[in-house]
Amino acid sequence: MSPHHAAHGRGVSINPPNRFERLRYEAELEDEVQDQPGPRTQFLKDTSRSIIATNDSPDVGFSASINPYRGCEHGCAYCYARPTHEYLGFSAGLDFESKILVKEDAPALLRRELAAPRWQPKVLGISGVTDPYQPVERRLQLTRRCLEVLAEVRNPAAIITKNHLVTRDLDVLAELARHHAVVVFLSVTTLDGELGRTLEPRASQPSGRLAAIEELSRAGVPVGVMVAPIIPGLTDHEMPAILAAAAEAGARFAGYTMLRLPLAVAPIFEQWLSQNVPEKKDKVLARLREMRSGKLNDPRFGARMRGEGLLAETIKDLFAMARKRAGIGARDLNLSTAAFRRPGQAQGLLFDC
């Protein structure tokens, strides 16, 4: 693997043009740009007046979610959420991981929306787009404060993260777990620390994610592993080892998703392959196209998360076999809304259990 990386500490080295913008800036000398240090992270106030987003996707396992942040410092080169930054006037490249929008009012907005009579308690995904435990969460604690609201009203939540920081909130998660109202998934792409540092530069190392699974399990919090995304030709061979390691750490559930490269993510990831694993680039792209009807992305529900064809079926069967061998169950949230109570109803009930 090449030690060179164009933007130190960043997942990618480019800012491809925003598909909604007519004007773009192009540096005259590419070599000069590649020698520059990675940009410092900027945190910008997000003035959204709502926090709960809904979706009709049959692929994700929940129909409502909250995202305290837009953009993600983890900088995963393959992140399918990168194009969402284009709606904000930014690029899906370096901007996505260096210009982070922060929803300072997220906990208050969440409390207000859960108090509304129209809210019917259901599983809330945290988060559906960017990682709720990216590095800035250590300081701002927006995800923790949202969890405290959910624990107060006992509304179930499903968390997906790549960061060991989730263990900071064991106390709140354990309280939700008492009411069968939480599950946490650690996303593990690879067990190779060197590859992880390049592919997911500011996320926890694989060993840290396995440690998080162990700590959550020990605290009685239902925890699983997402082998996600599987990158055919690069990480697919690691599935059995990831599942075995996660099971040993205490994971009770497992799922997987196949790499998908929507819109600007395709050229971004292609450049990452060229810079970091050039000898594997053609194989990775060829296998993706084999599972995506000749394309690098297939947005159709059902196909986008798993792919289609012989190779996709082979990976599906290998995952099922490895999961059973590891003794891990399927991805089944099975969370309860039975204990839900609206904000305000919990006041004065100090001894309620």
Protein backbone atom coordinates (compact mmCIF):
# COMPACT_ATOMS: atom_id res chain seq x y z
CA MET A 1 0.00 0.00 0.00
CA SER A 2 1.43 3.38 -0.93
CA PRO A 3 2.37 5.58 2.04
CA HIS A 4 1.60 8.74 0.07
CA HIS A 5 -1.66 10.46 0.75
CA ALA A 6 -2.49 13.78 -0.87
CA ALA A 7 -4.30 15.36 2.09
CA HIS A 8 -2.78 14.29 5.39
CA GLY A 9 -5.33 12.89 7.81
CA ARG A 10 -8.12 13.03 5.24
CA GLY A 11 -9.93 10.28 3.39
CA VAL A 12 -9.77 11.94 -0.02
CA SER A 13 -7.63 14.55 -1.72
CA ILE A 14 -10.05 16.27 -4.08
CA ASN A 15 -13.11 18.47 -4.14
CA PRO A 16 -15.01 17.36 -7.26
CA PRO A 17 -17.43 19.91 -8.72
CA ASN A 18 -20.81 20.28 -7.06
CA ARG A 19 -23.42 18.94 -9.47
CA PHE A 20 -25.72 21.88 -8.65
CA GLU A 21 -23.11 24.62 -9.16
CA ARG A 22 -22.27 26.09 -12.58
CA LEU A 23 -18.92 27.58 -11.58
CA ARG A 24 -15.91 25.75 -10.19
CA TYR A 25 -12.30 26.55 -9.32
CA GLU A 26 -9.51 24.44 -10.81
CA ALA A 27 -5.91 24.60 -9.60
CA GLU A 28 -3.40 25.08 -12.39
CA LEU A 29 -0.76 22.79 -10.92
CA GLU A 30 -2.10 19.52 -9.56
CA ASP A 31 1.24 18.71 -7.90
CA GLU A 32 1.06 21.89 -5.84
CA VAL A 33 -2.40 20.96 -4.61
CA GLN A 34 -1.30 17.45 -3.66
CA ASP A 35 1.56 18.78 -1.53
CA GLN A 36 -0.76 20.90 0.61
CA PRO A 37 -1.69 19.78 4.14
CA GLY A 38 -5.27 18.68 4.70
CA PRO A 39 -7.67 21.54 5.46
CA ARG A 40 -8.59 22.26 9.06
CA THR A 41 -12.08 21.21 10.06
CA GLN A 42 -14.66 23.99 10.19
CA PHE A 43 -17.82 23.70 12.26
CA LEU A 44 -20.83 25.61 10.97
CA LYS A 45 -24.19 26.19 12.63
CA ASP A 46 -27.07 24.26 11.12
CA THR A 47 -30.30 26.21 11.57
CA SER A 48 -32.70 23.37 10.73
CA ARG A 49 -35.97 23.66 12.62
CA SER A 50 -36.71 19.95 12.70
CA ILE A 51 -34.61 16.93 13.63
CA ILE A 52 -36.58 13.78 12.79
CA ALA A 53 -36.26 12.75 9.14
CA THR A 54 -38.37 10.03 7.57
CA ASN A 55 -37.69 7.61 4.71
CA ASP A 56 -39.62 4.97 2.80
CA SER A 57 -36.64 2.71 2.11
CA PRO A 58 -37.20 -1.00 2.79
CA ASP A 59 -33.41 -1.41 3.01
CA VAL A 60 -32.45 0.41 6.20
CA GLY A 61 -34.60 -1.14 8.94
CA PHE A 62 -36.14 2.06 10.30
CA SER A 63 -38.42 4.73 8.84
CA ALA A 64 -37.34 7.66 11.03
CA SER A 65 -33.92 8.94 12.01
CA ILE A 66 -32.04 11.84 13.56
CA ASN A 67 -28.72 13.30 12.42
CA PRO A 68 -27.11 15.79 14.85
CA TYR A 69 -24.37 16.49 12.28
CA ARG A 70 -24.15 16.95 8.51
CA GLY A 71 -20.84 16.01 6.98
CA CYS A 72 -18.50 13.62 8.80
CA GLU A 73 -14.96 14.04 10.10
CA HIS A 74 -14.27 10.31 9.82
CA GLY A 75 -13.51 10.90 6.15
CA CYS A 76 -14.34 7.41 4.88
CA ALA A 77 -13.37 7.45 1.22
CA TYR A 78 -16.35 5.34 0.16
CA CYS A 79 -19.09 7.13 2.15
CA TYR A 80 -22.41 7.00 0.29
CA ALA A 81 -23.55 10.16 2.15
CA ARG A 82 -20.96 12.42 0.55
CA PRO A 83 -23.34 13.76 -2.17
CA THR A 84 -25.70 15.11 0.54
CA HIS A 85 -23.17 17.91 1.10
CA GLU A 86 -23.85 19.17 -2.41
CA TYR A 87 -27.33 20.26 -1.34
CA LEU A 88 -25.59 22.66 1.06
CA GLY A 89 -23.45 24.24 -1.65
CA PHE A 90 -20.33 22.23 -0.77
CA SER A 91 -18.37 19.48 -2.49
CA ALA A 92 -18.76 15.78 -1.80
CA GLY A 93 -14.98 15.54 -1.47
CA LEU A 94 -12.82 17.29 1.12
CA ASP A 95 -15.67 19.64 2.02
CA PHE A 96 -17.75 16.71 3.29
CA GLU A 97 -15.15 15.80 5.89
CA SER A 98 -13.84 19.29 6.71
CA LYS A 99 -16.99 21.46 6.74
CA ILE A 100 -19.27 19.97 9.40
CA LEU A 101 -22.71 21.41 10.06
CA VAL A 102 -23.74 21.17 13.68
CA LYS A 103 -27.37 21.08 14.84
CA GLU A 104 -26.87 22.83 18.19
CA ASP A 105 -30.60 22.67 18.94
CA ALA A 106 -30.93 18.95 18.19
CA PRO A 107 -31.85 17.83 21.76
CA ALA A 108 -34.47 20.58 22.18
CA LEU A 109 -35.91 19.93 18.72
CA LEU A 110 -36.10 16.22 19.48
CA ARG A 111 -37.93 16.82 22.75
CA ARG A 112 -40.43 19.08 21.00
CA GLU A 113 -41.12 16.60 18.20
CA LEU A 114 -41.53 13.66 20.57
CA ALA A 115 -44.00 15.71 22.62
CA ALA A 116 -46.23 16.40 19.61
CA PRO A 117 -49.47 14.36 19.59
CA ARG A 118 -48.77 13.32 15.99
CA TRP A 119 -45.61 11.45 17.01
CA GLN A 120 -46.27 7.74 17.16
CA PRO A 121 -43.41 6.01 19.00
CA LYS A 122 -41.17 4.03 16.66
CA VAL A 123 -37.52 3.11 16.32
CA LEU A 124 -35.33 6.13 15.61
CA GLY A 125 -32.14 5.49 13.68
CA ILE A 126 -29.10 7.41 14.96
CA SER A 127 -27.99 8.27 12.47
CA GLY A 128 -29.14 7.56 8.98
CA VAL A 129 -26.53 9.62 7.14
CA THR A 130 -23.40 10.61 9.07
CA ASP A 131 -21.76 9.12 12.16
CA PRO A 132 -23.31 10.39 15.43
CA TYR A 133 -20.04 9.69 17.27
CA GLN A 134 -17.63 11.47 14.95
CA PRO A 135 -14.77 13.22 16.83
CA VAL A 136 -16.52 16.54 17.53
CA GLU A 137 -19.19 14.68 19.53
CA ARG A 138 -16.63 14.25 22.31
CA ARG A 139 -16.81 18.00 22.88
CA LEU A 140 -20.37 18.93 21.86
CA GLN A 141 -22.23 15.89 23.25
CA LEU A 142 -25.24 16.43 20.97
CA THR A 143 -25.75 12.71 20.43
CA ARG A 144 -25.52 12.05 24.15
CA ARG A 145 -28.06 14.77 24.94
CA CYS A 146 -30.43 13.36 22.29
CA LEU A 147 -30.03 9.93 23.87
CA GLU A 148 -30.90 11.41 27.26
CA VAL A 149 -34.17 12.71 25.78
CA LEU A 150 -34.90 9.28 24.31
CA ALA A 151 -34.12 7.60 27.63
CA GLU A 152 -36.46 9.99 29.44
CA VAL A 153 -39.37 9.14 27.14
CA ARG A 154 -38.23 5.56 26.49
CA ASN A 155 -38.40 5.84 22.71
CA PRO A 156 -36.35 3.06 21.06
CA ALA A 157 -33.22 3.84 19.10
CA ALA A 158 -30.87 1.95 16.77
CA ILE A 159 -27.35 3.35 16.62
CA ILE A 160 -24.75 2.70 13.93
CA THR A 161 -21.22 4.00 14.47
CA LYS A 162 -17.54 3.44 13.68
CA ASN A 163 -16.34 5.09 16.87
CA HIS A 164 -15.38 3.71 20.28
CA LEU A 165 -16.74 6.98 21.71
CA VAL A 166 -20.18 5.33 21.90
CA THR A 167 -18.97 3.63 25.10
CA ARG A 168 -18.90 7.02 26.85
CA ASP A 169 -22.70 6.82 26.93
CA LEU A 170 -22.97 3.38 28.51
CA ASP A 171 -25.07 4.78 31.36
CA VAL A 172 -27.79 6.16 29.07
CA LEU A 173 -27.66 3.16 26.74
CA ALA A 174 -28.04 0.76 29.68
CA GLU A 175 -31.11 2.69 30.83
CA LEU A 176 -32.68 2.37 27.38
CA ALA A 177 -31.73 -1.32 27.33
CA ARG A 178 -33.77 -1.87 30.51
CA HIS A 179 -36.86 -1.11 28.42
CA HIS A 180 -35.74 -3.12 25.35
CA ALA A 181 -35.35 0.23 23.62
CA VAL A 182 -31.85 0.28 22.14
CA VAL A 183 -29.47 -1.65 19.92
CA VAL A 184 -25.99 -0.53 18.87
CA PHE A 185 -24.19 -1.69 15.74
CA LEU A 186 -20.46 -1.18 15.28
CA SER A 187 -19.58 -0.94 11.62
CA VAL A 188 -16.41 -2.91 10.82
CA THR A 189 -15.02 -2.75 7.29
CA THR A 190 -11.66 -4.41 7.83
CA LEU A 191 -9.48 -5.85 10.59
CA ASP A 192 -6.37 -4.47 8.89
CA GLY A 193 -5.31 -1.42 10.90
CA GLU A 194 -3.13 0.00 8.13
CA LEU A 195 -5.91 -0.24 5.57
CA GLY A 196 -8.34 1.24 8.08
CA ARG A 197 -6.13 4.28 8.69
CA THR A 198 -6.15 5.06 4.98
CA LEU A 199 -9.73 4.12 4.18
CA GLU A 200 -11.38 5.59 7.32
CA PRO A 201 -8.70 7.97 8.64
CA ARG A 202 -10.50 9.53 11.61
CA ALA A 203 -12.69 6.62 12.67
CA SER A 204 -11.67 4.29 15.50
CA GLN A 205 -9.25 1.54 14.57
CA PRO A 206 -10.78 -1.93 14.08
CA SER A 207 -9.44 -3.00 17.48
CA GLY A 208 -11.22 -0.04 19.08
CA ARG A 209 -14.53 -1.02 17.51
CA LEU A 210 -14.20 -4.60 18.75
CA ALA A 211 -13.37 -3.21 22.20
CA ALA A 212 -16.56 -1.12 22.03
CA ILE A 213 -18.60 -4.24 21.23
CA GLU A 214 -17.09 -5.94 24.25
CA GLU A 215 -17.80 -3.01 26.59
CA LEU A 216 -21.38 -2.61 25.38
CA SER A 217 -22.05 -6.33 25.71
CA ARG A 218 -20.60 -6.41 29.21
CA ALA A 219 -22.90 -3.50 30.19
CA GLY A 220 -25.98 -5.39 28.99
CA VAL A 221 -26.54 -3.26 25.89
CA PRO A 222 -27.65 -5.31 22.86
CA VAL A 223 -24.86 -4.93 20.33
CA GLY A 224 -24.18 -6.18 16.84
CA VAL A 225 -21.73 -5.78 13.99
CA MET A 226 -22.29 -4.43 10.51
CA VAL A 227 -19.74 -5.69 8.00
CA ALA A 228 -20.10 -2.54 6.01
CA PRO A 229 -19.40 -1.80 3.36
CA ILE A 230 -18.02 -4.95 1.83
CA ILE A 231 -15.57 -3.87 -0.87
CA PRO A 232 -15.31 -6.75 -3.37
CA GLY A 233 -11.74 -7.47 -4.32
CA LEU A 234 -10.40 -5.61 -1.29
CA THR A 235 -12.17 -6.60 1.95
CA ASP A 236 -14.71 -9.30 1.06
CA HIS A 237 -12.32 -12.08 2.11
CA GLU A 238 -12.34 -10.67 5.67
CA MET A 239 -16.03 -11.39 6.34
CA PRO A 240 -15.52 -14.65 8.29
CA ALA A 241 -12.71 -13.16 10.41
CA ILE A 242 -14.70 -10.00 11.19
CA LEU A 243 -17.75 -12.01 12.24
CA ALA A 244 -15.66 -14.38 14.37
CA ALA A 245 -13.89 -11.49 16.12
CA ALA A 246 -17.16 -9.63 16.70
CA ALA A 247 -18.79 -12.76 18.12
CA GLU A 248 -15.89 -13.29 20.50
CA ALA A 249 -16.29 -9.68 21.65
CA GLY A 250 -19.99 -10.21 22.37
CA ALA A 251 -21.89 -9.22 19.22
CA ARG A 252 -25.37 -10.76 19.12
CA PHE A 253 -26.50 -9.61 15.67
CA ALA A 254 -24.85 -9.11 12.31
CA GLY A 255 -25.64 -7.60 8.95
CA TYR A 256 -23.76 -6.41 5.89
CA THR A 257 -24.01 -3.99 3.01
CA MET A 258 -22.20 -3.94 -0.31
CA LEU A 259 -20.19 -0.90 -1.37
CA ARG A 260 -22.26 1.56 -3.38
CA LEU A 261 -20.88 4.56 -5.21
CA PRO A 262 -23.63 7.09 -5.96
CA LEU A 263 -22.93 10.24 -7.98
CA ALA A 264 -19.66 11.97 -6.95
CA VAL A 265 -18.62 9.07 -4.71
CA ALA A 266 -17.60 7.03 -7.77
CA PRO A 267 -14.77 9.32 -9.00
CA ILE A 268 -13.74 10.05 -5.40
CA PHE A 269 -13.36 6.37 -4.58
CA GLU A 270 -11.71 5.61 -7.91
CA GLN A 271 -9.03 8.17 -7.09
CA TRP A 272 -8.61 6.67 -3.62
CA LEU A 273 -8.01 3.27 -5.23
CA SER A 274 -5.46 4.80 -7.61
CA GLN A 275 -3.57 6.46 -4.77
CA ASN A 276 -3.65 3.68 -2.23
CA VAL A 277 -4.17 0.26 -3.84
CA PRO A 278 -3.51 0.79 -7.56
CA GLU A 279 -2.77 -2.92 -8.08
CA LYS A 280 -6.30 -3.79 -6.95
CA LYS A 281 -8.24 -0.97 -8.59
CA ASP A 282 -9.27 -2.79 -11.77
CA LYS A 283 -10.38 -5.89 -9.84
CA VAL A 284 -12.49 -3.88 -7.37
CA LEU A 285 -14.22 -1.86 -10.08
CA ALA A 286 -14.79 -4.92 -12.29
CA ARG A 287 -16.45 -6.83 -9.43
CA LEU A 288 -18.63 -3.85 -8.55
CA ARG A 289 -19.78 -3.59 -12.16
CA GLU A 290 -20.47 -7.31 -12.20
CA MET A 291 -22.93 -6.85 -9.32
CA ARG A 292 -24.38 -3.55 -10.60
CA SER A 293 -25.44 -4.47 -14.14
CA GLY A 294 -22.27 -3.02 -15.62
CA LYS A 295 -22.40 0.21 -13.58
CA LEU A 296 -20.70 1.34 -10.38
CA ASN A 297 -24.01 2.14 -8.70
CA ASP A 298 -27.54 0.80 -8.74
CA PRO A 299 -29.96 2.97 -6.73
CA ARG A 300 -32.88 0.54 -6.79
CA PHE A 301 -34.28 -0.59 -3.46
CA GLY A 302 -33.29 -4.16 -2.77
CA ALA A 303 -30.36 -4.15 -5.17
CA ARG A 304 -28.44 -1.13 -3.88
CA MET A 305 -27.41 -2.66 -0.54
CA ARG A 306 -26.52 -6.18 -1.71
CA GLY A 307 -25.94 -6.19 -5.44
CA GLU A 308 -27.22 -8.80 -7.90
CA GLY A 309 -25.85 -11.75 -9.84
CA LEU A 310 -23.65 -14.74 -9.12
CA LEU A 311 -20.95 -12.85 -7.20
CA ALA A 312 -23.51 -11.10 -5.01
CA GLU A 313 -25.18 -14.44 -4.24
CA THR A 314 -21.80 -16.00 -3.42
CA ILE A 315 -21.05 -13.22 -0.93
CA LYS A 316 -24.53 -13.51 0.55
CA ASP A 317 -24.07 -17.25 1.09
CA LEU A 318 -20.57 -16.81 2.51
CA PHE A 319 -21.87 -14.23 4.97
CA ALA A 320 -24.73 -16.48 6.10
CA MET A 321 -22.36 -19.41 6.57
CA ALA A 322 -19.79 -17.33 8.48
CA ARG A 323 -22.49 -15.78 10.67
CA LYS A 324 -23.87 -19.18 11.66
CA ARG A 325 -20.38 -20.52 12.30
CA ALA A 326 -19.70 -17.54 14.57
CA GLY A 327 -22.99 -18.11 16.38
CA ILE A 328 -24.41 -14.64 15.64
CA GLY A 329 -28.07 -13.97 14.90
CA ALA A 330 -29.47 -12.09 11.92
CA ARG A 331 -29.99 -8.33 12.06
CA ASP A 332 -33.22 -8.22 14.07
CA LEU A 333 -33.89 -5.00 15.97
CA ASN A 334 -36.88 -6.35 17.90
CA LEU A 335 -37.17 -3.17 19.98
CA SER A 336 -40.16 -2.20 22.08
CA THR A 337 -42.23 0.99 22.25
CA ALA A 338 -44.34 -0.32 25.13
CA ALA A 339 -42.70 1.89 27.78
CA PHE A 340 -42.94 5.14 25.78
CA ARG A 341 -44.18 8.23 27.62
CA ARG A 342 -44.34 11.74 26.21
CA PRO A 343 -42.06 14.48 27.53
CA GLY A 344 -43.67 15.93 30.63
CA GLN A 345 -45.29 12.66 31.63
CA ALA A 346 -41.97 11.62 33.17
CA GLN A 347 -41.80 14.66 35.46
CA GLY A 348 -42.33 13.85 39.10
CA LEU A 349 -42.05 10.12 38.52
CA LEU A 350 -38.70 9.77 40.27
CA PHE A 351 -39.49 6.30 41.57
CA ASP A 352 -41.19 5.04 38.42
CA CYS A 353 -39.62 1.91 36.96
